Amino acid sequence: MNAVSTAALTVASLAALATAPLAQAQSVSLTASPRALAAAEFSDVEIVGAKSPMPTVKFLPSTAFDYNAAAAEAQSRAVAVDRPGKRPVADAQGLLTRRELSAAAMALAPAGEAVPEAVGTGGIHFTSTRTYPRQQDRTYPSSAVGKLFFKDGAGNSYICSGSVLRPGVVLTAGHCVHSGKPGGFYNSFTFVPGYSRVGSTEVRPFGTWSNWANVRTTSAWANGGGSVPNVGDWALIVFNRDGAGKRMGDYTGFLGYQYPAMIGRHMTVLGYPANLDSGTQMHRVDSQVNNGGTNNGLWGSDMTGGSSGGPVILNFRQDYVGLSGSTQDNGGNRATSVVSWGYTSAGPQVQGGAQFNSDFGALLNAACSAYAWAC
């Protein structure tokens, strides 16, 4: 499965973007050209040395520390949209690949990791762990989360996280597909669901998906200059079917989504932070989300770059006997946001992201209208 290396850019006029209200959810879209040559695969050195583009903030509003206000907001706000996910329907056994990274590449692997703590100086408590047992990343719902590789125009390699949101659609952060500046789209998008590496042994249980068809983000991000917090730091990448006619989510399953349903609730965040296990293992953080302002939620976390674009999930679980459906937000495995930013200093140990709203719904609807088979 190879990605295309060139693309045609479709963008609304700058004048329209500047004057249109965000509620219209205008977006910018990059579509793969059928005439393009296949892009080169990521080399071992590019895989090990890929960097994170995660932006950071320099201050936190007082609401970020007000648990009661966040909880009250959640209780007073009705859920507008709730869509379920789905477990895998296709056998992925034939997609599993194992490979050994070269000794030369491993010698360039970054050294040193941050020490996890229960809470930073920001005072927002959280729990943090590598997902376990190791086979969990091959089991739904963890199987819907993966590692995203991509390149900029100069050929530098980068990493983010993402999740399968519809059968052929991957959800990630806007800053993982676009710099936030004119002409800012990245390229060579390659998604590996359930990625893991132990030592030099890399495992890709659902194969490597680089046959992307379209990538889009909000105009709020594309024209925001790359600054955060941003009201719409989200992106969607449509991947084509494989040679067997299957979509990625047929093998991995896919998450549901719900909005607005993040601020004031308890969330699970999954991703591949470079500071923990050097980004080689899926990581999990659980925390309540407070109000960070500008439609952004804020939660405790020891994850840093590499976790960008990872899903913020409501009711991350496998269903069980006695499950109650009495609450409006009791649907399992609903994405509500993605990791958008970290804090400039490591001390507060917080991250944040824009809460899904009708603008996100319009972004997804646009992708599904253009690629109905992917949804």
Protein backbone atom coordinates (compact mmCIF):
# COMPACT_ATOMS: atom_id res chain seq x y z
CA MET A 1 0.00 0.00 0.00
CA ASN A 2 1.76 3.10 -1.18
CA ALA A 3 0.93 6.76 -0.67
CA VAL A 4 0.95 9.22 -3.51
CA SER A 5 3.61 11.89 -3.48
CA THR A 6 1.86 14.79 -5.15
CA ALA A 7 -1.58 16.26 -4.63
CA ALA A 8 -4.04 18.87 -5.79
CA LEU A 9 -5.09 21.47 -3.23
CA THR A 10 -8.68 22.63 -2.99
CA VAL A 11 -9.17 25.73 -0.84
CA ALA A 12 -12.00 28.22 -0.52
CA SER A 13 -11.05 31.80 -1.26
CA LEU A 14 -9.08 33.55 1.47
CA ALA A 15 -11.65 36.30 1.53
CA ALA A 16 -14.44 33.83 2.24
CA LEU A 17 -12.39 32.12 4.92
CA ALA A 18 -11.67 35.43 6.59
CA THR A 19 -15.29 36.55 6.74
CA ALA A 20 -17.30 33.34 7.12
CA PRO A 21 -18.42 32.36 10.64
CA LEU A 22 -16.88 29.21 12.03
CA ALA A 23 -20.29 27.60 12.26
CA GLN A 24 -20.11 27.08 8.49
CA ALA A 25 -17.16 24.78 9.24
CA GLN A 26 -15.27 25.63 6.10
CA SER A 27 -12.27 23.41 5.62
CA VAL A 28 -9.21 22.98 3.47
CA SER A 29 -8.70 19.72 1.66
CA LEU A 30 -5.79 17.94 0.02
CA THR A 31 -6.71 15.26 -2.51
CA ALA A 32 -4.35 12.59 -3.78
CA SER A 33 -3.60 12.80 -7.49
CA PRO A 34 -4.18 9.54 -9.42
CA ARG A 35 -1.28 10.48 -11.70
CA ALA A 36 1.25 10.69 -8.89
CA LEU A 37 4.11 8.25 -8.48
CA ALA A 38 4.26 6.13 -5.34
CA ALA A 39 6.07 7.78 -2.46
CA ALA A 40 9.14 6.12 -0.98
CA GLU A 41 8.58 4.17 2.23
CA PHE A 42 9.90 5.55 5.51
CA SER A 43 13.43 4.33 6.11
CA ASP A 44 14.54 2.87 9.45
CA VAL A 45 16.37 6.11 10.24
CA GLU A 46 13.25 8.17 9.44
CA ILE A 47 11.11 5.93 11.65
CA VAL A 48 13.46 6.16 14.64
CA GLY A 49 14.32 9.83 14.16
CA ALA A 50 10.87 11.21 13.35
CA LYS A 51 9.97 14.31 15.38
CA SER A 52 6.75 15.63 16.84
CA PRO A 53 5.11 18.88 15.68
CA MET A 54 3.07 19.34 18.88
CA PRO A 55 2.55 23.05 19.70
CA THR A 56 2.62 24.34 23.28
CA VAL A 57 0.88 27.00 25.36
CA LYS A 58 2.53 29.37 27.85
CA PHE A 59 -0.28 30.00 30.33
CA LEU A 60 -3.44 28.43 31.71
CA PRO A 61 -6.74 30.21 32.52
CA SER A 62 -8.12 30.03 36.03
CA THR A 63 -10.96 27.81 34.81
CA ALA A 64 -8.39 25.09 34.12
CA PHE A 65 -8.21 24.42 37.86
CA ASP A 66 -11.95 24.61 38.63
CA TYR A 67 -13.26 21.02 38.77
CA ASN A 68 -16.69 22.08 40.06
CA ALA A 69 -17.29 24.52 37.22
CA ALA A 70 -16.31 21.89 34.65
CA ALA A 71 -18.62 19.29 36.17
CA ALA A 72 -21.50 21.77 36.31
CA GLU A 73 -20.94 22.61 32.65
CA ALA A 74 -21.11 18.93 31.69
CA GLN A 75 -24.35 18.42 33.63
CA SER A 76 -26.04 21.47 32.12
CA ARG A 77 -25.06 20.80 28.50
CA ALA A 78 -27.08 18.46 26.28
CA VAL A 79 -25.35 16.07 23.91
CA ALA A 80 -26.13 17.06 20.32
CA VAL A 81 -24.68 14.13 18.35
CA ASP A 82 -23.88 10.55 19.39
CA ARG A 83 -22.67 7.96 16.88
CA PRO A 84 -21.51 4.46 17.84
CA GLY A 85 -18.36 2.74 16.70
CA LYS A 86 -18.08 -0.87 15.58
CA ARG A 87 -15.95 -3.88 16.31
CA PRO A 88 -13.79 -5.45 13.55
CA VAL A 89 -15.56 -7.54 10.94
CA ALA A 90 -12.57 -8.85 8.91
CA ASP A 91 -9.70 -11.15 9.86
CA ALA A 92 -6.42 -9.20 9.94
CA GLN A 93 -4.11 -12.17 10.47
CA GLY A 94 -2.67 -11.89 6.98
CA LEU A 95 -1.76 -8.21 7.52
CA LEU A 96 0.57 -8.71 10.50
CA THR A 97 4.19 -7.83 9.71
CA ARG A 98 7.34 -8.00 11.82
CA ARG A 99 10.59 -6.39 10.87
CA GLU A 100 13.94 -5.68 12.45
CA LEU A 101 15.19 -2.10 12.40
CA SER A 102 18.82 -1.75 11.44
CA ALA A 103 21.56 -1.34 14.03
CA ALA A 104 22.54 1.96 12.41
CA ALA A 105 19.04 3.32 12.89
CA MET A 106 18.80 2.08 16.48
CA ALA A 107 22.06 3.85 17.31
CA LEU A 108 20.32 7.14 16.48
CA ALA A 109 17.34 6.49 18.77
CA PRO A 110 16.87 9.32 21.29
CA ALA A 111 17.88 8.50 24.87
CA GLY A 112 16.22 9.51 28.11
CA GLU A 113 12.59 9.51 29.16
CA ALA A 114 10.45 11.63 31.45
CA VAL A 115 9.57 10.18 34.85
CA PRO A 116 5.77 9.73 35.19
CA GLU A 117 4.10 11.32 38.21
CA ALA A 118 0.56 11.18 39.56
CA VAL A 119 0.12 14.93 39.28
CA GLY A 120 2.20 17.87 38.15
CA THR A 121 2.36 21.42 39.46
CA GLY A 122 -0.86 22.14 37.56
CA GLY A 123 -2.68 20.13 40.24
CA ILE A 124 -4.81 18.11 37.82
CA HIS A 125 -4.69 14.47 38.86
CA PHE A 126 -4.40 11.66 36.34
CA THR A 127 -3.29 8.06 35.96
CA SER A 128 -0.76 6.99 33.36
CA THR A 129 0.31 3.60 32.00
CA ARG A 130 1.61 1.73 29.00
CA THR A 131 -1.38 -0.17 27.59
CA TYR A 132 -1.22 -3.78 28.73
CA PRO A 133 -1.07 -6.66 28.17
CA ARG A 134 0.95 -6.20 24.99
CA GLN A 135 -1.70 -7.91 22.88
CA GLN A 136 -4.23 -5.24 23.86
CA ASP A 137 -3.17 -3.06 20.95
CA ARG A 138 -4.55 -5.79 18.68
CA THR A 139 -7.90 -5.93 20.49
CA TYR A 140 -10.83 -3.56 20.00
CA PRO A 141 -11.12 -0.75 21.00
CA SER A 142 -7.34 -0.25 21.33
CA SER A 143 -6.93 -1.70 17.83
CA ALA A 144 -8.53 1.44 16.39
CA VAL A 145 -5.61 3.59 17.62
CA GLY A 146 -2.27 3.85 15.83
CA LYS A 147 0.84 5.80 14.93
CA LEU A 148 0.91 8.33 12.10
CA PHE A 149 4.05 9.07 10.06
CA PHE A 150 4.33 11.95 7.60
CA LYS A 151 6.80 14.35 5.99
CA ASP A 152 7.08 18.06 5.31
CA GLY A 153 8.03 19.65 2.00
CA ALA A 154 11.73 19.40 2.86
CA GLY A 155 11.49 15.65 3.40
CA ASN A 156 11.79 15.72 7.21
CA SER A 157 9.87 12.92 8.93
CA TYR A 158 7.37 13.45 11.76
CA ILE A 159 5.16 11.41 14.06
CA CYS A 160 1.70 11.83 15.55
CA SER A 161 -1.05 9.55 16.81
CA GLY A 162 -4.49 8.93 15.38
CA SER A 163 -7.55 6.69 15.50
CA VAL A 164 -9.95 5.05 13.09
CA LEU A 165 -13.22 6.99 13.37
CA ARG A 166 -15.13 5.57 10.39
CA PRO A 167 -14.17 2.45 8.41
CA GLY A 168 -11.93 4.36 6.00
CA VAL A 169 -11.34 7.58 7.94
CA VAL A 170 -8.52 8.30 10.41
CA LEU A 171 -8.91 11.08 12.97
CA THR A 172 -5.90 13.12 14.06
CA ALA A 173 -4.95 16.72 14.90
CA GLY A 174 -4.92 19.53 12.36
CA HIS A 175 -1.28 20.25 13.19
CA CYS A 176 -0.45 16.67 12.16
CA VAL A 177 -1.50 17.34 8.55
CA HIS A 178 -0.96 21.10 8.14
CA SER A 179 1.40 23.70 9.59
CA GLY A 180 -1.38 26.24 10.07
CA LYS A 181 0.24 28.58 7.55
CA PRO A 182 -0.40 29.16 3.79
CA GLY A 183 0.54 26.16 1.68
CA GLY A 184 1.09 24.22 4.88
CA PHE A 185 -0.08 20.71 4.00
CA TYR A 186 2.31 17.86 4.83
CA ASN A 187 2.59 14.71 2.72
CA SER A 188 3.32 10.95 2.67
CA PHE A 189 0.73 10.16 5.35
CA THR A 190 1.24 6.62 6.64
CA PHE A 191 -0.88 5.12 9.41
CA VAL A 192 0.00 1.97 11.38
CA PRO A 193 -2.85 0.77 13.66
CA GLY A 194 -1.70 -0.99 16.83
CA TYR A 195 1.94 -0.14 16.20
CA SER A 196 4.54 -1.38 18.69
CA ARG A 197 8.30 -1.84 18.88
CA VAL A 198 10.25 -3.77 21.49
CA GLY A 199 13.97 -3.21 21.07
CA SER A 200 14.61 -3.32 17.34
CA THR A 201 11.60 -5.56 16.57
CA GLU A 202 8.74 -3.62 15.05
CA VAL A 203 5.24 -5.15 14.87
CA ARG A 204 2.46 -3.85 12.64
CA PRO A 205 -0.55 -6.09 13.39
CA PHE A 206 -2.87 -4.51 10.83
CA GLY A 207 -0.30 -3.72 8.17
CA THR A 208 0.82 -0.33 6.90
CA TRP A 209 -1.69 2.04 5.34
CA SER A 210 -0.23 4.75 3.14
CA ASN A 211 -2.76 4.71 0.28
CA TRP A 212 -4.42 7.93 1.39
CA ALA A 213 -7.04 9.52 -0.84
CA ASN A 214 -7.82 12.80 0.91
CA VAL A 215 -6.82 14.83 3.97
CA ARG A 216 -8.71 17.80 5.38
CA THR A 217 -8.62 20.13 8.34
CA THR A 218 -10.62 23.14 9.47
CA SER A 219 -10.02 26.63 8.15
CA ALA A 220 -9.71 27.66 11.81
CA TRP A 221 -6.53 25.60 12.02
CA ALA A 222 -5.20 26.15 8.49
CA ASN A 223 -5.47 29.92 8.87
CA GLY A 224 -4.62 30.14 12.55
CA GLY A 225 -0.89 30.62 12.17
CA GLY A 226 -0.10 27.45 14.09
CA SER A 227 -1.01 28.97 17.47
CA VAL A 228 -2.87 27.14 20.25
CA PRO A 229 -5.33 26.80 21.86
CA ASN A 230 -7.22 26.58 18.56
CA VAL A 231 -10.97 26.09 18.23
CA GLY A 232 -10.63 23.45 15.50
CA ASP A 233 -7.30 21.59 15.65
CA TRP A 234 -8.78 18.46 14.07
CA ALA A 235 -8.07 16.61 10.84
CA LEU A 236 -9.41 13.63 8.90
CA ILE A 237 -7.48 11.39 6.50
CA VAL A 238 -9.36 9.12 4.10
CA PHE A 239 -7.49 5.92 3.21
CA ASN A 240 -8.40 3.80 0.19
CA ARG A 241 -9.35 0.13 0.37
CA ASP A 242 -6.63 -2.49 0.27
CA GLY A 243 -6.10 -5.09 -2.45
CA ALA A 244 -8.79 -7.29 -0.92
CA GLY A 245 -11.35 -4.49 -1.11
CA LYS A 246 -11.38 -3.99 2.66
CA ARG A 247 -11.22 -0.72 4.52
CA MET A 248 -8.87 -0.18 7.44
CA GLY A 249 -11.70 -0.16 9.97
CA ASP A 250 -12.98 -3.50 8.73
CA TYR A 251 -9.85 -4.99 10.29
CA THR A 252 -9.39 -2.72 13.32
CA GLY A 253 -12.91 -1.67 14.18
CA PHE A 254 -13.60 2.04 14.64
CA LEU A 255 -14.50 4.44 17.42
CA GLY A 256 -17.78 6.25 17.79
CA TYR A 257 -17.97 9.97 18.48
CA GLN A 258 -20.09 12.29 20.58
CA TYR A 259 -20.34 16.05 21.03
CA PRO A 260 -20.22 18.23 22.96
CA ALA A 261 -19.17 15.69 25.57
CA MET A 262 -15.64 16.27 26.86
CA ILE A 263 -15.34 19.20 29.28
CA GLY A 264 -16.33 18.16 32.79
CA ARG A 265 -16.19 14.44 32.09
CA HIS A 266 -13.70 11.68 32.81
CA MET A 267 -11.70 10.78 29.68
CA THR A 268 -9.18 8.24 28.44
CA VAL A 269 -6.43 9.52 26.14
CA LEU A 270 -4.40 7.16 23.96
CA GLY A 271 -1.30 7.86 21.90
CA TYR A 272 2.40 7.32 21.25
CA PRO A 273 4.30 9.95 23.28
CA ALA A 274 7.99 10.21 22.41
CA ASN A 275 8.92 10.82 26.06
CA LEU A 276 7.51 7.48 27.26
CA ASP A 277 8.93 4.22 25.87
CA SER A 278 10.40 6.50 23.17
CA GLY A 279 7.05 6.41 21.38
CA THR A 280 7.36 2.69 20.69
CA GLN A 281 4.33 1.59 22.74
CA MET A 282 0.75 2.76 22.94
CA HIS A 283 0.22 4.77 26.13
CA ARG A 284 -2.89 5.55 28.16
CA VAL A 285 -3.79 8.48 30.44
CA ASP A 286 -7.06 8.89 32.38
CA SER A 287 -8.18 12.24 33.79
CA GLN A 288 -11.11 14.56 34.30
CA VAL A 289 -11.22 17.35 31.72
CA ASN A 290 -11.48 20.95 32.91
CA ASN A 291 -12.32 24.05 30.86
CA GLY A 292 -9.21 25.47 29.19
CA GLY A 293 -11.06 28.24 27.34
CA THR A 294 -11.47 28.78 23.56
CA ASN A 295 -13.57 25.60 23.22
CA ASN A 296 -10.61 23.65 24.61
CA GLY A 297 -10.61 21.10 27.38
CA LEU A 298 -7.57 20.53 29.57
CA TRP A 299 -6.55 17.34 31.39
CA GLY A 300 -3.66 15.99 33.44
CA SER A 301 -1.05 14.07 31.44
CA ASP A 302 2.61 13.10 31.41
CA MET A 303 2.56 12.54 27.65
CA THR A 304 4.38 14.93 25.33
CA GLY A 305 5.06 15.12 21.58
CA GLY A 306 4.10 12.10 19.52
CA SER A 307 0.76 11.81 21.32
CA SER A 308 -0.59 14.66 19.16
CA GLY A 309 -3.78 13.63 17.40
CA GLY A 310 -4.45 10.75 19.78
CA PRO A 311 -8.14 10.34 20.64
CA VAL A 312 -9.76 11.67 23.81
CA ILE A 313 -12.30 8.93 24.52
CA LEU A 314 -15.47 8.92 26.62
CA ASN A 315 -16.24 5.56 28.29
CA PHE A 316 -13.26 3.65 26.94
CA ARG A 317 -14.30 0.06 27.59
CA GLN A 318 -15.44 -3.33 26.49
CA ASP A 319 -19.12 -3.86 27.25
CA TYR A 320 -20.11 -6.00 30.22
CA VAL A 321 -23.10 -7.69 31.82
CA GLY A 322 -25.19 -5.24 33.81
CA LEU A 323 -24.15 -2.21 31.77
CA SER A 324 -26.55 0.66 32.42
CA GLY A 325 -27.84 2.87 29.64
CA SER A 326 -29.46 5.39 31.96
CA THR A 327 -27.18 8.34 31.22
CA GLN A 328 -27.12 10.32 28.01
CA ASP A 329 -23.37 9.91 27.60
CA ASN A 330 -23.09 6.20 28.44
CA GLY A 331 -22.20 5.09 24.91
CA GLY A 332 -18.87 3.26 24.88
CA ASN A 333 -15.70 4.33 23.08
CA ARG A 334 -16.86 7.77 21.86
CA ALA A 335 -14.15 10.14 20.63
CA THR A 336 -14.78 13.67 21.90
CA SER A 337 -11.54 15.46 20.92
CA VAL A 338 -7.89 14.86 20.05
CA VAL A 339 -4.62 15.85 21.71
CA SER A 340 -3.80 19.32 20.39
CA TRP A 341 -1.16 20.87 22.63
CA GLY A 342 1.07 20.57 25.66
CA TYR A 343 2.47 23.11 28.10
CA THR A 344 5.73 24.97 27.45
CA SER A 345 7.14 23.76 30.78
CA ALA A 346 7.06 20.09 31.78
CA GLY A 347 6.02 21.02 35.34
CA PRO A 348 2.23 21.39 35.10
CA GLN A 349 1.86 18.04 33.28
CA VAL A 350 -1.23 18.94 31.28
CA GLN A 351 -2.47 18.63 27.72
CA GLY A 352 -5.47 20.02 25.92
CA GLY A 353 -7.60 19.86 22.82
CA ALA A 354 -10.66 21.36 21.14
CA GLN A 355 -13.98 19.78 22.12
CA PHE A 356 -15.92 18.38 19.17
CA ASN A 357 -18.90 20.48 18.17
CA SER A 358 -21.04 21.14 15.09
CA ASP A 359 -17.96 22.37 13.23
CA PHE A 360 -16.36 18.98 13.69
CA GLY A 361 -19.61 17.38 12.55
CA ALA A 362 -19.55 19.45 9.38
CA LEU A 363 -15.90 18.50 8.77
CA LEU A 364 -16.76 14.80 9.04
CA ASN A 365 -19.89 15.19 6.94
CA ALA A 366 -17.83 16.82 4.20
CA ALA A 367 -15.40 13.91 4.16
CA CYS A 368 -18.22 11.34 4.16
CA SER A 369 -20.10 13.16 1.41
CA ALA A 370 -17.03 13.09 -0.82
CA TYR A 371 -16.05 9.51 0.12
CA ALA A 372 -19.27 7.78 1.16
CA TRP A 373 -17.71 4.31 0.90
CA ALA A 374 -15.23 5.28 3.64
CA CYS A 375 -18.00 6.00 6.16
